[in-house]
Each structure stands twice: as structure tokens, then as C-alpha cells.
């Protein structure tokens, strides 16, 4: 009988701890790339569309390796004017920071089959 009571107690304790952890929302962390000349910031939910996003010091470009084909990229400045609009048609895209002047930009990335536009923010110093 003691074994049955102990087993029931342990099962209830496990169940209550599982339920309490199930209601906790995980914290989200943004992807942040900081270099001498720019800062790139992407929300975690947008970063989930990529296998990797990193700055390649050899070619001095930000490399986006997407999980799906990148159809188009749109770069918008702080005045909401389109600075660049490029068709890509590949899963890998390189963004040169040399092509942007100093300021704040939103980069909209349109992925094949995605139901939303993936965004990242860039501040060029």
C-alpha cells in the first residue's frame, strides 16, 4: 500500500510540475550582429526562416542562408522610401553594407511560400 501511495504522490508531483512549466512562454532573443560600421537586428520569429545569418569578414557582406528560396529583397530607408528592390531566386543572399549610406533601414525579405514578409533592421554608421 505504501508503494501505491508513493507512486501516486510522485505521479501527481510530476504532473503538476509539467503543467506549471507548460504555461511558461519561452523568452525570445533577437539575432544581433554588431560590426564597426553597422548593426543588424532581427526578431527571433523572423530568424526562424533562416538556417544561418552571419557577417562574412572576407567579402564584407551579411550572408542570409534561408530554409526556402528568397524571391525578393526590398531595402527601405527611414523616410519609407525604397532604396533597393532586387529579385534573388536563391536560398543564399549576400547583402553588401557598402551599398548603403549612413542611416537606419528596414530590409524586407520575401520567401517562397512564406505567408509573411521577413524583416530585419540595419543601422549603418
C-alpha atoms as a PDB file:
ATOM      1  CA  UNK A   1       0.000   0.000   0.000  1.00  0.00           C
ATOM      2  CA  UNK A   2       2.872   2.374   0.791  1.00  0.00           C
ATOM      3  CA  UNK A   3       4.302   1.765  -2.684  1.00  0.00           C
ATOM      4  CA  UNK A   4       0.959   2.635  -4.289  1.00  0.00           C
ATOM      5  CA  UNK A   5       0.651   5.865  -2.278  1.00  0.00           C
ATOM      6  CA  UNK A   6       4.266   6.803  -3.065  1.00  0.00           C
ATOM      7  CA  UNK A   7       3.717   6.118  -6.779  1.00  0.00           C
ATOM      8  CA  UNK A   8       0.519   8.205  -6.837  1.00  0.00           C
ATOM      9  CA  UNK A   9       2.256  11.046  -4.995  1.00  0.00           C
ATOM     10  CA  UNK A  10       5.188  11.036  -7.437  1.00  0.00           C
ATOM     11  CA  UNK A  11       2.838  10.905 -10.427  1.00  0.00           C
ATOM     12  CA  UNK A  12       0.840  13.883  -9.127  1.00  0.00           C
ATOM     13  CA  UNK A  13       4.012  15.849  -8.367  1.00  0.00           C
ATOM     14  CA  UNK A  14       5.342  15.153 -11.873  1.00  0.00           C
ATOM     15  CA  UNK A  15       2.017  16.093 -13.471  1.00  0.00           C
ATOM     16  CA  UNK A  16       1.739  19.366 -11.551  1.00  0.00           C
ATOM     17  CA  UNK A  17       5.313  20.383 -12.393  1.00  0.00           C
ATOM     18  CA  UNK A  18       4.754  19.546 -16.064  1.00  0.00           C
ATOM     19  CA  UNK A  19       1.593  21.666 -16.185  1.00  0.00           C
ATOM     20  CA  UNK A  20       3.293  24.607 -14.476  1.00  0.00           C
ATOM     21  CA  UNK A  21       6.173  24.558 -16.991  1.00  0.00           C
ATOM     22  CA  UNK A  22       3.793  24.170 -19.925  1.00  0.00           C
ATOM     23  CA  UNK A  23       2.262  27.582 -19.236  1.00  0.00           C
ATOM     24  CA  UNK A  24       5.590  29.411 -19.254  1.00  0.00           C
ATOM     25  CA  UNK A  25       6.277  31.163 -22.553  1.00  0.00           C
ATOM     26  CA  UNK A  26       9.884  30.916 -23.708  1.00  0.00           C
ATOM     27  CA  UNK A  27      11.799  34.149 -23.871  1.00  0.00           C
ATOM     28  CA  UNK A  28      12.632  35.348 -27.347  1.00  0.00           C
ATOM     29  CA  UNK A  29      16.043  36.583 -28.298  1.00  0.00           C
ATOM     30  CA  UNK A  30      16.772  38.723 -31.293  1.00  0.00           C
ATOM     31  CA  UNK A  31      19.590  37.971 -33.698  1.00  0.00           C
ATOM     32  CA  UNK A  32      22.087  40.795 -33.301  1.00  0.00           C
ATOM     33  CA  UNK A  33      25.148  41.329 -35.491  1.00  0.00           C
ATOM     34  CA  UNK A  34      27.308  44.279 -34.467  1.00  0.00           C
ATOM     35  CA  UNK A  35      30.266  45.375 -36.560  1.00  0.00           C
ATOM     36  CA  UNK A  36      32.289  48.604 -36.659  1.00  0.00           C
ATOM     37  CA  UNK A  37      30.229  50.079 -39.499  1.00  0.00           C
ATOM     38  CA  UNK A  38      26.733  48.643 -38.942  1.00  0.00           C
ATOM     39  CA  UNK A  39      24.310  46.822 -36.641  1.00  0.00           C
ATOM     40  CA  UNK A  40      21.787  44.236 -37.851  1.00  0.00           C
ATOM     41  CA  UNK A  41      18.848  43.248 -35.639  1.00  0.00           C
ATOM     42  CA  UNK A  42      16.295  40.529 -36.468  1.00  0.00           C
ATOM     43  CA  UNK A  43      13.467  39.238 -34.283  1.00  0.00           C
ATOM     44  CA  UNK A  44      13.678  35.566 -33.363  1.00  0.00           C
ATOM     45  CA  UNK A  45      10.419  34.712 -35.168  1.00  0.00           C
ATOM     46  CA  UNK A  46      11.870  36.131 -38.395  1.00  0.00           C
ATOM     47  CA  UNK A  47      15.213  34.429 -37.844  1.00  0.00           C
ATOM     48  CA  UNK A  48      13.430  31.044 -37.771  1.00  0.00           C
ATOM     49  CA  UNK A  49      13.147  31.248 -41.585  1.00  0.00           C
ATOM     50  CA  UNK A  50      16.935  31.011 -41.932  1.00  0.00           C
ATOM     51  CA  UNK A  51      19.500  28.280 -41.410  1.00  0.00           C
ATOM     52  CA  UNK A  52      22.053  30.990 -40.661  1.00  0.00           C
ATOM     53  CA  UNK A  53      22.603  34.735 -40.834  1.00  0.00           C
ATOM     54  CA  UNK A  54      26.146  35.982 -40.312  1.00  0.00           C
ATOM     55  CA  UNK A  55      28.642  38.635 -41.353  1.00  0.00           C
ATOM     56  CA  UNK A  56      31.456  37.338 -43.554  1.00  0.00           C
ATOM     57  CA  UNK A  57      34.562  39.423 -42.904  1.00  0.00           C
ATOM     58  CA  UNK A  58      36.298  38.093 -46.032  1.00  0.00           C
ATOM     59  CA  UNK A  59      33.781  39.547 -48.513  1.00  0.00           C
ATOM     60  CA  UNK A  60      32.403  42.128 -46.033  1.00  0.00           C
ATOM     61  CA  UNK A  61      28.780  41.150 -46.590  1.00  0.00           C
ATOM     62  CA  UNK A  62      25.932  39.814 -44.481  1.00  0.00           C
ATOM     63  CA  UNK A  63      25.086  36.289 -45.604  1.00  0.00           C
ATOM     64  CA  UNK A  64      21.498  35.020 -45.329  1.00  0.00           C
ATOM     65  CA  UNK A  65      21.040  31.249 -45.808  1.00  0.00           C
ATOM     66  CA  UNK A  66      17.293  30.689 -45.941  1.00  0.00           C
ATOM     67  CA  UNK A  67      15.292  27.495 -45.422  1.00  0.00           C
ATOM     68  CA  UNK A  68      13.301  28.351 -48.578  1.00  0.00           C
ATOM     69  CA  UNK A  69      14.095  30.261 -51.739  1.00  0.00           C
ATOM     70  CA  UNK A  70      14.441  34.018 -51.287  1.00  0.00           C
ATOM     71  CA  UNK A  71      12.260  35.525 -54.004  1.00  0.00           C
ATOM     72  CA  UNK A  72      12.871  39.246 -53.482  1.00  0.00           C
ATOM     73  CA  UNK A  73      14.554  41.741 -51.184  1.00  0.00           C
ATOM     74  CA  UNK A  74      13.419  45.273 -50.511  1.00  0.00           C
ATOM     75  CA  UNK A  75      15.514  47.839 -48.628  1.00  0.00           C
ATOM     76  CA  UNK A  76      13.580  50.797 -47.195  1.00  0.00           C
ATOM     77  CA  UNK A  77      15.210  53.841 -45.594  1.00  0.00           C
ATOM     78  CA  UNK A  78      13.987  55.780 -42.545  1.00  0.00           C
ATOM     79  CA  UNK A  79      11.825  58.001 -44.813  1.00  0.00           C
ATOM     80  CA  UNK A  80       9.914  54.894 -46.015  1.00  0.00           C
ATOM     81  CA  UNK A  81      11.472  55.215 -49.463  1.00  0.00           C
ATOM     82  CA  UNK A  82      12.557  52.116 -51.364  1.00  0.00           C
ATOM     83  CA  UNK A  83      16.332  52.225 -51.780  1.00  0.00           C
ATOM     84  CA  UNK A  84      16.706  48.790 -53.367  1.00  0.00           C
ATOM     85  CA  UNK A  85      14.341  46.172 -54.764  1.00  0.00           C
ATOM     86  CA  UNK A  86      16.059  43.049 -56.059  1.00  0.00           C
ATOM     87  CA  UNK A  87      14.852  39.667 -57.310  1.00  0.00           C
ATOM     88  CA  UNK A  88      17.043  36.944 -55.800  1.00  0.00           C
ATOM     89  CA  UNK A  89      15.756  33.474 -56.763  1.00  0.00           C
ATOM     90  CA  UNK A  90      18.144  31.556 -54.477  1.00  0.00           C
ATOM     91  CA  UNK A  91      18.379  30.254 -50.923  1.00  0.00           C
ATOM     92  CA  UNK A  92      21.532  32.282 -50.239  1.00  0.00           C
ATOM     93  CA  UNK A  93      21.750  36.060 -50.377  1.00  0.00           C
ATOM     94  CA  UNK A  94      24.681  38.385 -49.656  1.00  0.00           C
ATOM     95  CA  UNK A  95      23.961  41.951 -48.614  1.00  0.00           C
ATOM     96  CA  UNK A  96      26.810  44.425 -49.002  1.00  0.00           C
ATOM     97  CA  UNK A  97      26.840  47.188 -46.430  1.00  0.00           C
ATOM     98  CA  UNK A  98      28.938  49.311 -48.832  1.00  0.00           C
ATOM     99  CA  UNK A  99      25.850  49.905 -50.960  1.00  0.00           C
ATOM    100  CA  UNK A 100      24.057  51.664 -48.091  1.00  0.00           C
ATOM    101  CA  UNK A 101      24.832  55.152 -46.852  1.00  0.00           C
ATOM    102  CA  UNK A 102      24.696  56.011 -43.151  1.00  0.00           C
ATOM    103  CA  UNK A 103      21.238  55.690 -41.613  1.00  0.00           C
ATOM    104  CA  UNK A 104      18.537  53.260 -40.490  1.00  0.00           C
ATOM    105  CA  UNK A 105      16.989  50.719 -42.866  1.00  0.00           C
ATOM    106  CA  UNK A 106      14.350  48.019 -42.873  1.00  0.00           C
ATOM    107  CA  UNK A 107      15.127  45.029 -45.041  1.00  0.00           C
ATOM    108  CA  UNK A 108      12.065  43.091 -46.202  1.00  0.00           C
ATOM    109  CA  UNK A 109      12.796  39.578 -47.420  1.00  0.00           C
ATOM    110  CA  UNK A 110      10.111  37.726 -49.353  1.00  0.00           C
ATOM    111  CA  UNK A 111      10.498  33.957 -49.145  1.00  0.00           C
ATOM    112  CA  UNK A 112       8.881  31.451 -51.456  1.00  0.00           C
ATOM    113  CA  UNK A 113       5.775  30.037 -49.810  1.00  0.00           C
ATOM    114  CA  UNK A 114       6.033  32.303 -46.749  1.00  0.00           C
ATOM    115  CA  UNK A 115       2.804  33.845 -45.509  1.00  0.00           C
ATOM    116  CA  UNK A 116       4.547  37.000 -44.300  1.00  0.00           C
ATOM    117  CA  UNK A 117       7.436  39.304 -45.080  1.00  0.00           C
ATOM    118  CA  UNK A 118      10.555  38.579 -43.043  1.00  0.00           C
ATOM    119  CA  UNK A 119      12.061  41.803 -41.680  1.00  0.00           C
ATOM    120  CA  UNK A 120      15.390  42.866 -40.300  1.00  0.00           C
ATOM    121  CA  UNK A 121      16.634  46.275 -39.227  1.00  0.00           C
ATOM    122  CA  UNK A 122      20.039  47.676 -40.132  1.00  0.00           C
ATOM    123  CA  UNK A 123      21.732  50.786 -38.771  1.00  0.00           C
ATOM    124  CA  UNK A 124      24.700  51.874 -40.879  1.00  0.00           C
ATOM    125  CA  UNK A 125      27.190  54.123 -39.081  1.00  0.00           C
END
